[in-house]
Amino acid sequence: MSLAYYLLLAAILFTLGAVIVMVRRSAVISLMGVELMLNSANLTLVTFSRIHGEVAGEIMAFFVMIVAAAEVVVGLAIIVSIFKSRATTSVDDVNLLKN
């Protein structure tokens, strides 16, 4: 299997994640779209690492996974806090920063 297929898969996953973030209004689903985009970036980093025969892309993908895990923890904590006060996870209904 050619490595170009992995890049095509990463592009499809990134596009799907971006569409999910733009179209869906639930904060939890939007976080899933962001995670899908980060995983497609990881796939791209590992693919280019294999193409060039270096380990730097795989190390960078590992750090992206760490940042993604931290993002999920913080994001879900914010969503739970908003859900407790507003009883909704819709990103359209949340206007906590407005006066």
Protein backbone atom coordinates (compact mmCIF):
# COMPACT_ATOMS: atom_id res chain seq x y z
CA MET A 1 0.00 0.00 0.00
CA SER A 2 1.33 3.38 -1.02
CA LEU A 3 1.89 6.09 1.54
CA ALA A 4 -0.18 8.42 -0.63
CA TYR A 5 -3.28 6.53 0.51
CA TYR A 6 -2.51 7.50 4.10
CA LEU A 7 -2.28 11.16 3.09
CA LEU A 8 -5.59 10.86 1.24
CA LEU A 9 -7.18 9.27 4.31
CA ALA A 10 -5.80 12.07 6.50
CA ALA A 11 -7.24 14.70 4.15
CA ILE A 12 -10.64 13.00 4.20
CA LEU A 13 -10.59 12.74 8.00
CA PHE A 14 -9.57 16.38 8.39
CA THR A 15 -12.30 17.52 6.02
CA LEU A 16 -14.88 15.42 7.85
CA GLY A 17 -13.77 16.87 11.19
CA ALA A 18 -13.92 20.42 9.88
CA VAL A 19 -17.42 19.86 8.50
CA ILE A 20 -18.53 18.42 11.86
CA VAL A 21 -17.17 21.46 13.72
CA MET A 22 -18.86 23.91 11.34
CA VAL A 23 -22.22 22.16 10.97
CA ARG A 24 -23.03 20.59 14.33
CA ARG A 25 -24.16 22.80 17.19
CA SER A 26 -23.52 20.46 20.14
CA ALA A 27 -20.31 21.26 21.98
CA VAL A 28 -19.56 17.58 22.59
CA ILE A 29 -19.91 16.73 18.90
CA SER A 30 -17.75 19.75 18.01
CA LEU A 31 -15.03 18.43 20.34
CA MET A 32 -15.22 15.10 18.53
CA GLY A 33 -14.69 16.94 15.24
CA VAL A 34 -11.63 18.71 16.66
CA GLU A 35 -10.27 15.36 17.85
CA LEU A 36 -10.81 13.93 14.37
CA MET A 37 -8.83 16.82 12.87
CA LEU A 38 -6.00 16.33 15.38
CA ASN A 39 -5.86 12.61 14.60
CA SER A 40 -5.68 13.34 10.89
CA ALA A 41 -2.77 15.69 11.58
CA ASN A 42 -1.10 12.87 13.52
CA LEU A 43 -1.59 10.52 10.59
CA THR A 44 0.00 13.09 8.28
CA LEU A 45 2.96 13.59 10.62
CA VAL A 46 3.60 9.85 10.90
CA THR A 47 3.23 9.39 7.12
CA PHE A 48 5.77 12.09 6.33
CA SER A 49 8.02 10.64 9.00
CA ARG A 50 7.90 7.29 7.20
CA ILE A 51 8.52 8.94 3.83
CA HIS A 52 11.64 10.76 5.04
CA GLY A 53 12.84 7.99 7.34
CA GLU A 54 13.08 10.20 10.40
CA VAL A 55 11.59 9.90 13.87
CA ALA A 56 10.79 13.60 14.31
CA GLY A 57 7.27 13.28 12.88
CA GLU A 58 6.42 10.44 15.23
CA ILE A 59 7.69 12.41 18.23
CA MET A 60 5.63 15.42 17.13
CA ALA A 61 2.55 13.18 16.78
CA PHE A 62 3.11 11.95 20.34
CA PHE A 63 3.11 15.53 21.63
CA VAL A 64 -0.03 16.30 19.62
CA MET A 65 -1.71 13.33 21.35
CA ILE A 66 -0.73 14.75 24.73
CA VAL A 67 -2.15 18.17 23.84
CA ALA A 68 -5.33 16.52 22.49
CA ALA A 69 -5.83 14.64 25.76
CA ALA A 70 -5.41 17.84 27.75
CA GLU A 71 -7.81 19.64 25.41
CA VAL A 72 -10.46 16.98 25.97
CA VAL A 73 -10.16 17.22 29.74
CA VAL A 74 -10.44 21.00 29.80
CA GLY A 75 -13.13 21.09 27.11
CA LEU A 76 -15.33 18.52 28.82
CA ALA A 77 -14.92 20.28 32.16
CA ILE A 78 -16.11 23.53 30.59
CA ILE A 79 -19.01 21.76 28.87
CA VAL A 80 -20.12 20.09 32.12
CA SER A 81 -19.93 23.43 33.93
CA ILE A 82 -22.02 25.14 31.25
CA PHE A 83 -24.50 22.24 31.22
CA LYS A 84 -24.98 22.53 34.98
CA SER A 85 -25.78 26.23 34.76
CA ARG A 86 -27.64 26.39 31.42
CA ALA A 87 -28.94 22.79 30.90
CA THR A 88 -27.77 22.82 27.28
CA THR A 89 -24.63 21.97 25.33
CA SER A 90 -25.58 23.92 22.23
CA VAL A 91 -22.88 26.36 21.19
CA ASP A 92 -25.54 28.77 19.89
CA ASP A 93 -27.19 29.12 23.30
CA VAL A 94 -24.00 29.82 25.22
CA ASN A 95 -23.32 33.53 25.62
CA LEU A 96 -21.48 33.57 28.92
CA LEU A 97 -18.94 36.18 27.82
CA LYS A 98 -21.57 38.77 26.88
CA ASN A 99 -22.73 41.44 29.33
